[in-house]
Amino acid sequence: LNTIEEHVGGAIIIADSTLTLTNMALSNNIARFPGSPSDTVGNGGAIYADNSTLSINNSKINNNSTSSTGGTIYSRIGIVNITDSTISNNSRRGVIGFDGE
């Protein structure tokens, strides 16, 4: 269980980068504002990607949460590719949230 106190990306935060995750398991992560209860705004329960390219292959992402957008992944101006992966039981306003161009 991972609770990030930066309000984004419960397990992983990437910016201006390219990241490939293969054979990974990301489970039970929470993104929320510092010092706040779990119902306070956060984005990307497992992963927050800003101006980045994210590829996920043969991975399992489950039971992640945020109270705002992207219970699993939040991508702000970027590309997300997911292949042969299982995404399940993630909570709040869509599994993947996108913002930007």
PDB file of N, CA and C in Angstrom:
ATOM      1  N   LEU A   1       0.853  -1.183   0.000  1.00  0.00           N
ATOM      2  CA  LEU A   1       0.000   0.000   0.000  1.00  0.00           C
ATOM      3  C   LEU A   1       0.889   1.233   0.000  1.00  0.00           C
ATOM      4  N   ASN A   2       0.606   2.120  -0.910  1.00  0.00           N
ATOM      5  CA  ASN A   2       1.385   3.340  -1.059  1.00  0.00           C
ATOM      6  C   ASN A   2       0.418   4.516  -1.077  1.00  0.00           C
ATOM      7  N   THR A   3       0.603   5.492  -0.215  1.00  0.00           N
ATOM      8  CA  THR A   3      -0.208   6.697  -0.243  1.00  0.00           C
ATOM      9  C   THR A   3       0.732   7.868  -0.462  1.00  0.00           C
ATOM     10  N   ILE A   4       0.650   8.462  -1.634  1.00  0.00           N
ATOM     11  CA  ILE A   4       1.534   9.569  -1.970  1.00  0.00           C
ATOM     12  C   ILE A   4       0.931  10.861  -1.441  1.00  0.00           C
ATOM     13  N   GLU A   5       1.726  11.687  -0.849  1.00  0.00           N
ATOM     14  CA  GLU A   5       1.256  12.942  -0.273  1.00  0.00           C
ATOM     15  C   GLU A   5       1.602  14.136  -1.164  1.00  0.00           C
ATOM     16  N   GLU A   6       1.670  13.907  -2.465  1.00  0.00           N
ATOM     17  CA  GLU A   6       1.930  14.986  -3.416  1.00  0.00           C
ATOM     18  C   GLU A   6       0.720  15.243  -4.297  1.00  0.00           C
ATOM     19  N   HIS A   7      -0.367  14.610  -4.058  1.00  0.00           N
ATOM     20  CA  HIS A   7      -1.657  14.664  -4.723  1.00  0.00           C
ATOM     21  C   HIS A   7      -1.696  14.078  -6.126  1.00  0.00           C
ATOM     22  N   VAL A   8      -0.592  13.537  -6.628  1.00  0.00           N
ATOM     23  CA  VAL A   8      -0.593  12.885  -7.938  1.00  0.00           C
ATOM     24  C   VAL A   8       0.267  11.628  -7.893  1.00  0.00           C
ATOM     25  N   GLY A   9      -0.125  10.634  -8.695  1.00  0.00           N
ATOM     26  CA  GLY A   9       0.690   9.443  -8.868  1.00  0.00           C
ATOM     27  C   GLY A   9       0.979   8.667  -7.606  1.00  0.00           C
ATOM     28  N   GLY A  10       0.044   7.812  -7.200  1.00  0.00           N
ATOM     29  CA  GLY A  10       0.231   7.049  -5.971  1.00  0.00           C
ATOM     30  C   GLY A  10       1.475   6.183  -5.946  1.00  0.00           C
ATOM     31  N   ALA A  11       1.930   5.682  -7.099  1.00  0.00           N
ATOM     32  CA  ALA A  11       3.133   4.849  -7.147  1.00  0.00           C
ATOM     33  C   ALA A  11       4.226   5.472  -8.012  1.00  0.00           C
ATOM     34  N   ILE A  12       3.835   6.066  -9.155  1.00  0.00           N
ATOM     35  CA  ILE A  12       4.827   6.562 -10.114  1.00  0.00           C
ATOM     36  C   ILE A  12       4.435   7.945 -10.617  1.00  0.00           C
ATOM     37  N   ILE A  13       5.409   8.834 -10.647  1.00  0.00           N
ATOM     38  CA  ILE A  13       5.240  10.158 -11.250  1.00  0.00           C
ATOM     39  C   ILE A  13       6.328  10.308 -12.302  1.00  0.00           C
ATOM     40  N   ILE A  14       5.929  10.617 -13.552  1.00  0.00           N
ATOM     41  CA  ILE A  14       6.924  10.885 -14.588  1.00  0.00           C
ATOM     42  C   ILE A  14       6.609  12.217 -15.245  1.00  0.00           C
ATOM     43  N   ALA A  15       7.649  12.937 -15.644  1.00  0.00           N
ATOM     44  CA  ALA A  15       7.483  14.227 -16.308  1.00  0.00           C
ATOM     45  C   ALA A  15       8.533  14.376 -17.404  1.00  0.00           C
ATOM     46  N   ASP A  16       8.075  14.834 -18.565  1.00  0.00           N
ATOM     47  CA  ASP A  16       8.968  15.091 -19.699  1.00  0.00           C
ATOM     48  C   ASP A  16       9.868  13.894 -19.983  1.00  0.00           C
ATOM     49  N   SER A  17       9.268  12.682 -19.974  1.00  0.00           N
ATOM     50  CA  SER A  17      10.050  11.460 -20.095  1.00  0.00           C
ATOM     51  C   SER A  17       9.314  10.401 -20.899  1.00  0.00           C
ATOM     52  N   THR A  18      10.021   9.312 -21.135  1.00  0.00           N
ATOM     53  CA  THR A  18       9.440   8.106 -21.715  1.00  0.00           C
ATOM     54  C   THR A  18       9.674   6.975 -20.721  1.00  0.00           C
ATOM     55  N   LEU A  19       8.607   6.237 -20.409  1.00  0.00           N
ATOM     56  CA  LEU A  19       8.707   5.141 -19.455  1.00  0.00           C
ATOM     57  C   LEU A  19       7.974   3.930 -20.002  1.00  0.00           C
ATOM     58  N   THR A  20       8.632   2.770 -19.949  1.00  0.00           N
ATOM     59  CA  THR A  20       8.007   1.509 -20.326  1.00  0.00           C
ATOM     60  C   THR A  20       7.992   0.597 -19.110  1.00  0.00           C
ATOM     61  N   LEU A  21       6.807   0.123 -18.757  1.00  0.00           N
ATOM     62  CA  LEU A  21       6.640  -0.828 -17.654  1.00  0.00           C
ATOM     63  C   LEU A  21       6.267  -2.176 -18.248  1.00  0.00           C
ATOM     64  N   THR A  22       7.043  -3.207 -17.937  1.00  0.00           N
ATOM     65  CA  THR A  22       6.785  -4.549 -18.445  1.00  0.00           C
ATOM     66  C   THR A  22       6.798  -5.527 -17.275  1.00  0.00           C
ATOM     67  N   ASN A  23       5.796  -6.410 -17.257  1.00  0.00           N
ATOM     68  CA  ASN A  23       5.668  -7.423 -16.194  1.00  0.00           C
ATOM     69  C   ASN A  23       5.641  -6.789 -14.807  1.00  0.00           C
ATOM     70  N   MET A  24       4.864  -5.727 -14.661  1.00  0.00           N
ATOM     71  CA  MET A  24       4.765  -5.003 -13.393  1.00  0.00           C
ATOM     72  C   MET A  24       3.418  -5.281 -12.729  1.00  0.00           C
ATOM     73  N   ALA A  25       3.391  -5.117 -11.430  1.00  0.00           N
ATOM     74  CA  ALA A  25       2.144  -5.140 -10.665  1.00  0.00           C
ATOM     75  C   ALA A  25       2.103  -3.870  -9.830  1.00  0.00           C
ATOM     76  N   LEU A  26       1.059  -3.062 -10.028  1.00  0.00           N
ATOM     77  CA  LEU A  26       0.853  -1.840  -9.247  1.00  0.00           C
ATOM     78  C   LEU A  26      -0.496  -1.976  -8.559  1.00  0.00           C
ATOM     79  N   SER A  27      -0.473  -2.112  -7.246  1.00  0.00           N
ATOM     80  CA  SER A  27      -1.710  -2.369  -6.508  1.00  0.00           C
ATOM     81  C   SER A  27      -1.780  -1.543  -5.232  1.00  0.00           C
ATOM     82  N   ASN A  28      -3.017  -1.168  -4.870  1.00  0.00           N
ATOM     83  CA  ASN A  28      -3.323  -0.544  -3.578  1.00  0.00           C
ATOM     84  C   ASN A  28      -2.612   0.784  -3.350  1.00  0.00           C
ATOM     85  N   ASN A  29      -2.542   1.618  -4.376  1.00  0.00           N
ATOM     86  CA  ASN A  29      -1.933   2.946  -4.263  1.00  0.00           C
ATOM     87  C   ASN A  29      -3.018   4.011  -4.202  1.00  0.00           C
ATOM     88  N   ILE A  30      -2.719   5.130  -3.537  1.00  0.00           N
ATOM     89  CA  ILE A  30      -3.669   6.228  -3.377  1.00  0.00           C
ATOM     90  C   ILE A  30      -2.951   7.543  -3.654  1.00  0.00           C
ATOM     91  N   ALA A  31      -3.587   8.423  -4.439  1.00  0.00           N
ATOM     92  CA  ALA A  31      -3.051   9.769  -4.653  1.00  0.00           C
ATOM     93  C   ALA A  31      -3.983  10.770  -3.975  1.00  0.00           C
ATOM     94  N   ARG A  32      -3.426  11.638  -3.127  1.00  0.00           N
ATOM     95  CA  ARG A  32      -4.236  12.646  -2.442  1.00  0.00           C
ATOM     96  C   ARG A  32      -3.362  13.818  -2.004  1.00  0.00           C
ATOM     97  N   PHE A  33      -4.009  14.940  -1.652  1.00  0.00           N
ATOM     98  CA  PHE A  33      -3.278  16.111  -1.183  1.00  0.00           C
ATOM     99  C   PHE A  33      -2.641  15.855   0.179  1.00  0.00           C
ATOM    100  N   PRO A  34      -1.489  16.478   0.455  1.00  0.00           N
ATOM    101  CA  PRO A  34      -0.792  16.264   1.730  1.00  0.00           C
ATOM    102  C   PRO A  34      -1.670  16.533   2.948  1.00  0.00           C
ATOM    103  N   GLY A  35      -1.636  15.603   3.882  1.00  0.00           N
ATOM    104  CA  GLY A  35      -2.328  15.772   5.148  1.00  0.00           C
ATOM    105  C   GLY A  35      -3.841  15.747   5.073  1.00  0.00           C
ATOM    106  N   SER A  36      -4.377  15.337   3.932  1.00  0.00           N
ATOM    107  CA  SER A  36      -5.823  15.371   3.740  1.00  0.00           C
ATOM    108  C   SER A  36      -6.424  13.978   3.836  1.00  0.00           C
ATOM    109  N   PRO A  37      -7.712  13.911   4.101  1.00  0.00           N
ATOM    110  CA  PRO A  37      -8.386  12.612   4.120  1.00  0.00           C
ATOM    111  C   PRO A  37      -8.448  12.036   2.713  1.00  0.00           C
ATOM    112  N   SER A  38      -8.776  10.771   2.598  1.00  0.00           N
ATOM    113  CA  SER A  38      -8.773  10.098   1.299  1.00  0.00           C
ATOM    114  C   SER A  38      -9.801  10.654   0.321  1.00  0.00           C
ATOM    115  N   ASP A  39     -10.737  11.478   0.781  1.00  0.00           N
ATOM    116  CA  ASP A  39     -11.734  12.019  -0.143  1.00  0.00           C
ATOM    117  C   ASP A  39     -11.339  13.385  -0.706  1.00  0.00           C
ATOM    118  N   THR A  40     -10.084  13.778  -0.559  1.00  0.00           N
ATOM    119  CA  THR A  40      -9.618  15.058  -1.080  1.00  0.00           C
ATOM    120  C   THR A  40      -8.946  14.840  -2.428  1.00  0.00           C
ATOM    121  N   VAL A  41      -9.072  15.810  -3.306  1.00  0.00           N
ATOM    122  CA  VAL A  41      -8.649  15.700  -4.702  1.00  0.00           C
ATOM    123  C   VAL A  41      -7.214  15.225  -4.873  1.00  0.00           C
ATOM    124  N   GLY A  42      -7.040  14.292  -5.802  1.00  0.00           N
ATOM    125  CA  GLY A  42      -5.741  13.800  -6.251  1.00  0.00           C
ATOM    126  C   GLY A  42      -5.932  13.211  -7.641  1.00  0.00           C
ATOM    127  N   ASN A  43      -4.885  13.117  -8.439  1.00  0.00           N
ATOM    128  CA  ASN A  43      -4.984  12.570  -9.793  1.00  0.00           C
ATOM    129  C   ASN A  43      -4.020  11.409  -9.980  1.00  0.00           C
ATOM    130  N   GLY A  44      -4.489  10.361 -10.652  1.00  0.00           N
ATOM    131  CA  GLY A  44      -3.643   9.223 -10.971  1.00  0.00           C
ATOM    132  C   GLY A  44      -3.355   8.339  -9.784  1.00  0.00           C
ATOM    133  N   GLY A  45      -4.289   7.468  -9.453  1.00  0.00           N
ATOM    134  CA  GLY A  45      -4.117   6.603  -8.287  1.00  0.00           C
ATOM    135  C   GLY A  45      -2.829   5.804  -8.306  1.00  0.00           C
ATOM    136  N   ALA A  46      -2.433   5.284  -9.466  1.00  0.00           N
ATOM    137  CA  ALA A  46      -1.184   4.525  -9.579  1.00  0.00           C
ATOM    138  C   ALA A  46      -0.096   5.330 -10.275  1.00  0.00           C
ATOM    139  N   ILE A  47      -0.455   6.005 -11.395  1.00  0.00           N
ATOM    140  CA  ILE A  47       0.549   6.678 -12.220  1.00  0.00           C
ATOM    141  C   ILE A  47       0.075   8.062 -12.639  1.00  0.00           C
ATOM    142  N   TYR A  48       0.965   9.027 -12.528  1.00  0.00           N
ATOM    143  CA  TYR A  48       0.730  10.375 -13.051  1.00  0.00           C
ATOM    144  C   TYR A  48       1.818  10.644 -14.086  1.00  0.00           C
ATOM    145  N   ALA A  49       1.410  10.948 -15.318  1.00  0.00           N
ATOM    146  CA  ALA A  49       2.360  11.216 -16.399  1.00  0.00           C
ATOM    147  C   ALA A  49       2.119  12.615 -16.948  1.00  0.00           C
ATOM    148  N   ASP A  50       3.142  13.452 -16.918  1.00  0.00           N
ATOM    149  CA  ASP A  50       3.038  14.834 -17.387  1.00  0.00           C
ATOM    150  C   ASP A  50       3.961  15.027 -18.594  1.00  0.00           C
ATOM    151  N   ASN A  51       3.356  15.335 -19.763  1.00  0.00           N
ATOM    152  CA  ASN A  51       4.117  15.578 -20.979  1.00  0.00           C
ATOM    153  C   ASN A  51       5.079  14.419 -21.258  1.00  0.00           C
ATOM    154  N   SER A  52       4.542  13.203 -21.171  1.00  0.00           N
ATOM    155  CA  SER A  52       5.379  12.006 -21.272  1.00  0.00           C
ATOM    156  C   SER A  52       4.715  10.943 -22.133  1.00  0.00           C
ATOM    157  N   THR A  53       5.524   9.960 -22.517  1.00  0.00           N
ATOM    158  CA  THR A  53       5.025   8.773 -23.199  1.00  0.00           C
ATOM    159  C   THR A  53       5.151   7.604 -22.243  1.00  0.00           C
ATOM    160  N   LEU A  54       4.028   6.943 -21.994  1.00  0.00           N
ATOM    161  CA  LEU A  54       3.963   5.835 -21.059  1.00  0.00           C
ATOM    162  C   LEU A  54       3.497   4.591 -21.802  1.00  0.00           C
ATOM    163  N   SER A  55       4.264   3.508 -21.697  1.00  0.00           N
ATOM    164  CA  SER A  55       3.877   2.225 -22.287  1.00  0.00           C
ATOM    165  C   SER A  55       3.813   1.185 -21.175  1.00  0.00           C
ATOM    166  N   ILE A  56       2.720   0.437 -21.164  1.00  0.00           N
ATOM    167  CA  ILE A  56       2.517  -0.601 -20.154  1.00  0.00           C
ATOM    168  C   ILE A  56       2.274  -1.914 -20.891  1.00  0.00           C
ATOM    169  N   ASN A  57       3.099  -2.911 -20.602  1.00  0.00           N
ATOM    170  CA  ASN A  57       3.031  -4.195 -21.286  1.00  0.00           C
ATOM    171  C   ASN A  57       2.963  -5.340 -20.275  1.00  0.00           C
ATOM    172  N   ASN A  58       2.039  -6.279 -20.525  1.00  0.00           N
ATOM    173  CA  ASN A  58       1.961  -7.495 -19.729  1.00  0.00           C
ATOM    174  C   ASN A  58       2.017  -7.218 -18.222  1.00  0.00           C
ATOM    175  N   SER A  59       1.194  -6.290 -17.775  1.00  0.00           N
ATOM    176  CA  SER A  59       1.211  -5.863 -16.368  1.00  0.00           C
ATOM    177  C   SER A  59      -0.179  -5.942 -15.754  1.00  0.00           C
ATOM    178  N   LYS A  60      -0.228  -5.867 -14.434  1.00  0.00           N
ATOM    179  CA  LYS A  60      -1.492  -5.859 -13.696  1.00  0.00           C
ATOM    180  C   LYS A  60      -1.536  -4.599 -12.843  1.00  0.00           C
ATOM    181  N   ILE A  61      -2.629  -3.839 -13.002  1.00  0.00           N
ATOM    182  CA  ILE A  61      -2.813  -2.615 -12.232  1.00  0.00           C
ATOM    183  C   ILE A  61      -4.193  -2.701 -11.596  1.00  0.00           C
ATOM    184  N   ASN A  62      -4.226  -2.848 -10.271  1.00  0.00           N
ATOM    185  CA  ASN A  62      -5.532  -3.006  -9.627  1.00  0.00           C
ATOM    186  C   ASN A  62      -5.574  -2.378  -8.234  1.00  0.00           C
ATOM    187  N   ASN A  63      -6.804  -2.067  -7.822  1.00  0.00           N
ATOM    188  CA  ASN A  63      -7.103  -1.527  -6.486  1.00  0.00           C
ATOM    189  C   ASN A  63      -6.374  -0.218  -6.170  1.00  0.00           C
ATOM    190  N   ASN A  64      -6.252   0.658  -7.153  1.00  0.00           N
ATOM    191  CA  ASN A  64      -5.668   1.981  -6.951  1.00  0.00           C
ATOM    192  C   ASN A  64      -6.792   2.998  -6.891  1.00  0.00           C
ATOM    193  N   SER A  65      -6.556   4.131  -6.226  1.00  0.00           N
ATOM    194  CA  SER A  65      -7.649   5.089  -6.110  1.00  0.00           C
ATOM    195  C   SER A  65      -7.167   6.528  -5.972  1.00  0.00           C
ATOM    196  N   THR A  66      -8.079   7.391  -6.317  1.00  0.00           N
ATOM    197  CA  THR A  66      -7.941   8.825  -6.132  1.00  0.00           C
ATOM    198  C   THR A  66      -9.353   9.369  -6.037  1.00  0.00           C
ATOM    199  N   SER A  67      -9.522  10.529  -5.508  1.00  0.00           N
ATOM    200  CA  SER A  67     -10.875  11.081  -5.424  1.00  0.00           C
ATOM    201  C   SER A  67     -11.171  12.011  -6.585  1.00  0.00           C
ATOM    202  N   SER A  68     -10.207  12.211  -7.465  1.00  0.00           N
ATOM    203  CA  SER A  68     -10.447  13.086  -8.604  1.00  0.00           C
ATOM    204  C   SER A  68     -10.429  12.266  -9.889  1.00  0.00           C
ATOM    205  N   THR A  69      -9.475  12.480 -10.766  1.00  0.00           N
ATOM    206  CA  THR A  69      -9.492  11.897 -12.097  1.00  0.00           C
ATOM    207  C   THR A  69      -8.418  10.838 -12.268  1.00  0.00           C
ATOM    208  N   GLY A  70      -8.783   9.760 -12.950  1.00  0.00           N
ATOM    209  CA  GLY A  70      -7.830   8.708 -13.260  1.00  0.00           C
ATOM    210  C   GLY A  70      -7.521   7.815 -12.089  1.00  0.00           C
ATOM    211  N   GLY A  71      -8.444   6.931 -11.751  1.00  0.00           N
ATOM    212  CA  GLY A  71      -8.210   6.010 -10.647  1.00  0.00           C
ATOM    213  C   GLY A  71      -6.970   5.165 -10.846  1.00  0.00           C
ATOM    214  N   THR A  72      -6.618   4.919 -12.102  1.00  0.00           N
ATOM    215  CA  THR A  72      -5.422   4.151 -12.428  1.00  0.00           C
ATOM    216  C   THR A  72      -4.300   5.065 -12.907  1.00  0.00           C
ATOM    217  N   ILE A  73      -4.563   5.793 -13.994  1.00  0.00           N
ATOM    218  CA  ILE A  73      -3.547   6.626 -14.652  1.00  0.00           C
ATOM    219  C   ILE A  73      -4.131   7.996 -14.956  1.00  0.00           C
ATOM    220  N   TYR A  74      -3.341   9.018 -14.750  1.00  0.00           N
ATOM    221  CA  TYR A  74      -3.697  10.364 -15.197  1.00  0.00           C
ATOM    222  C   TYR A  74      -2.577  10.838 -16.120  1.00  0.00           C
ATOM    223  N   SER A  75      -2.938  11.207 -17.338  1.00  0.00           N
ATOM    224  CA  SER A  75      -1.955  11.682 -18.305  1.00  0.00           C
ATOM    225  C   SER A  75      -2.273  13.119 -18.682  1.00  0.00           C
ATOM    226  N   ARG A  76      -1.320  13.994 -18.453  1.00  0.00           N
ATOM    227  CA  ARG A  76      -1.456  15.399 -18.822  1.00  0.00           C
ATOM    228  C   ARG A  76      -0.512  15.661 -19.989  1.00  0.00           C
ATOM    229  N   ILE A  77      -1.098  15.894 -21.161  1.00  0.00           N
ATOM    230  CA  ILE A  77      -0.349  16.131 -22.399  1.00  0.00           C
ATOM    231  C   ILE A  77       0.664  15.016 -22.629  1.00  0.00           C
ATOM    232  N   GLY A  78       0.209  13.895 -23.162  1.00  0.00           N
ATOM    233  CA  GLY A  78       1.119  12.787 -23.410  1.00  0.00           C
ATOM    234  C   GLY A  78       0.454  11.651 -24.146  1.00  0.00           C
ATOM    235  N   ILE A  79       1.172  10.545 -24.233  1.00  0.00           N
ATOM    236  CA  ILE A  79       0.717   9.349 -24.935  1.00  0.00           C
ATOM    237  C   ILE A  79       0.762   8.185 -23.961  1.00  0.00           C
ATOM    238  N   VAL A  80      -0.313   7.383 -23.961  1.00  0.00           N
ATOM    239  CA  VAL A  80      -0.368   6.184 -23.127  1.00  0.00           C
ATOM    240  C   VAL A  80      -0.691   4.995 -24.025  1.00  0.00           C
ATOM    241  N   ASN A  81       0.176   3.982 -24.011  1.00  0.00           N
ATOM    242  CA  ASN A  81      -0.029   2.740 -24.751  1.00  0.00           C
ATOM    243  C   ASN A  81      -0.103   1.595 -23.749  1.00  0.00           C
ATOM    244  N   ILE A  82      -1.173   0.794 -23.836  1.00  0.00           N
ATOM    245  CA  ILE A  82      -1.341  -0.344 -22.928  1.00  0.00           C
ATOM    246  C   ILE A  82      -1.595  -1.587 -23.770  1.00  0.00           C
ATOM    247  N   THR A  83      -0.773  -2.633 -23.568  1.00  0.00           N
ATOM    248  CA  THR A  83      -0.955  -3.890 -24.290  1.00  0.00           C
ATOM    249  C   THR A  83      -0.857  -5.073 -23.340  1.00  0.00           C
ATOM    250  N   ASP A  84      -1.690  -6.077 -23.598  1.00  0.00           N
ATOM    251  CA  ASP A  84      -1.668  -7.338 -22.852  1.00  0.00           C
ATOM    252  C   ASP A  84      -1.595  -7.145 -21.346  1.00  0.00           C
ATOM    253  N   SER A  85      -2.391  -6.222 -20.833  1.00  0.00           N
ATOM    254  CA  SER A  85      -2.379  -5.896 -19.407  1.00  0.00           C
ATOM    255  C   SER A  85      -3.782  -5.980 -18.830  1.00  0.00           C
ATOM    256  N   THR A  86      -3.865  -6.168 -17.517  1.00  0.00           N
ATOM    257  CA  THR A  86      -5.138  -6.213 -16.813  1.00  0.00           C
ATOM    258  C   THR A  86      -5.241  -5.001 -15.899  1.00  0.00           C
ATOM    259  N   ILE A  87      -6.344  -4.267 -16.058  1.00  0.00           N
ATOM    260  CA  ILE A  87      -6.620  -3.109 -15.207  1.00  0.00           C
ATOM    261  C   ILE A  87      -7.981  -3.369 -14.564  1.00  0.00           C
ATOM    262  N   SER A  88      -8.007  -3.448 -13.216  1.00  0.00           N
ATOM    263  CA  SER A  88      -9.270  -3.788 -12.564  1.00  0.00           C
ATOM    264  C   SER A  88      -9.388  -3.153 -11.184  1.00  0.00           C
ATOM    265  N   ASN A  89     -10.627  -2.948 -10.769  1.00  0.00           N
ATOM    266  CA  ASN A  89     -10.968  -2.467  -9.427  1.00  0.00           C
ATOM    267  C   ASN A  89     -10.259  -1.183  -9.013  1.00  0.00           C
ATOM    268  N   ASN A  90     -10.058  -0.289  -9.961  1.00  0.00           N
ATOM    269  CA  ASN A  90      -9.505   1.027  -9.658  1.00  0.00           C
ATOM    270  C   ASN A  90     -10.670   1.996  -9.538  1.00  0.00           C
ATOM    271  N   SER A  91     -10.535   3.020  -8.708  1.00  0.00           N
ATOM    272  CA  SER A  91     -11.702   3.846  -8.436  1.00  0.00           C
ATOM    273  C   SER A  91     -11.527   5.297  -8.833  1.00  0.00           C
ATOM    274  N   ARG A  92     -12.642   5.885  -9.177  1.00  0.00           N
ATOM    275  CA  ARG A  92     -12.891   7.302  -9.327  1.00  0.00           C
ATOM    276  C   ARG A  92     -12.744   7.839 -10.741  1.00  0.00           C
ATOM    277  N   ARG A  93     -13.785   8.458 -11.199  1.00  0.00           N
ATOM    278  CA  ARG A  93     -13.860   9.234 -12.446  1.00  0.00           C
ATOM    279  C   ARG A  93     -13.026   8.697 -13.595  1.00  0.00           C
ATOM    280  N   GLY A  94     -13.218   7.457 -13.916  1.00  0.00           N
ATOM    281  CA  GLY A  94     -12.544   6.860 -15.052  1.00  0.00           C
ATOM    282  C   GLY A  94     -11.261   6.157 -14.682  1.00  0.00           C
ATOM    283  N   VAL A  95     -11.006   5.105 -15.396  1.00  0.00           N
ATOM    284  CA  VAL A  95      -9.785   4.348 -15.161  1.00  0.00           C
ATOM    285  C   VAL A  95      -8.580   5.179 -15.557  1.00  0.00           C
ATOM    286  N   ILE A  96      -8.678   5.851 -16.711  1.00  0.00           N
ATOM    287  CA  ILE A  96      -7.587   6.695 -17.196  1.00  0.00           C
ATOM    288  C   ILE A  96      -8.138   8.088 -17.469  1.00  0.00           C
ATOM    289  N   GLY A  97      -7.516   9.094 -16.886  1.00  0.00           N
ATOM    290  CA  GLY A  97      -7.923  10.476 -17.110  1.00  0.00           C
ATOM    291  C   GLY A  97      -6.899  11.179 -17.989  1.00  0.00           C
ATOM    292  N   PHE A  98      -7.396  11.987 -18.933  1.00  0.00           N
ATOM    293  CA  PHE A  98      -6.514  12.727 -19.830  1.00  0.00           C
ATOM    294  C   PHE A  98      -6.806  14.211 -19.725  1.00  0.00           C
ATOM    295  N   ASP A  99      -5.766  15.015 -19.912  1.00  0.00           N
ATOM    296  CA  ASP A  99      -5.900  16.466 -19.902  1.00  0.00           C
ATOM    297  C   ASP A  99      -4.883  17.014 -20.884  1.00  0.00           C
ATOM    298  N   GLY A 100      -5.245  18.027 -21.609  1.00  0.00           N
ATOM    299  CA  GLY A 100      -4.290  18.676 -22.508  1.00  0.00           C
ATOM    300  C   GLY A 100      -4.524  18.301 -23.943  1.00  0.00           C
ATOM    301  N   GLU A 101      -3.466  18.405 -24.713  1.00  0.00           N
ATOM    302  CA  GLU A 101      -3.556  18.216 -26.163  1.00  0.00           C
ATOM    303  C   GLU A 101      -3.467  16.777 -26.554  1.00  0.00           C
TER     304      GLU A 101
END
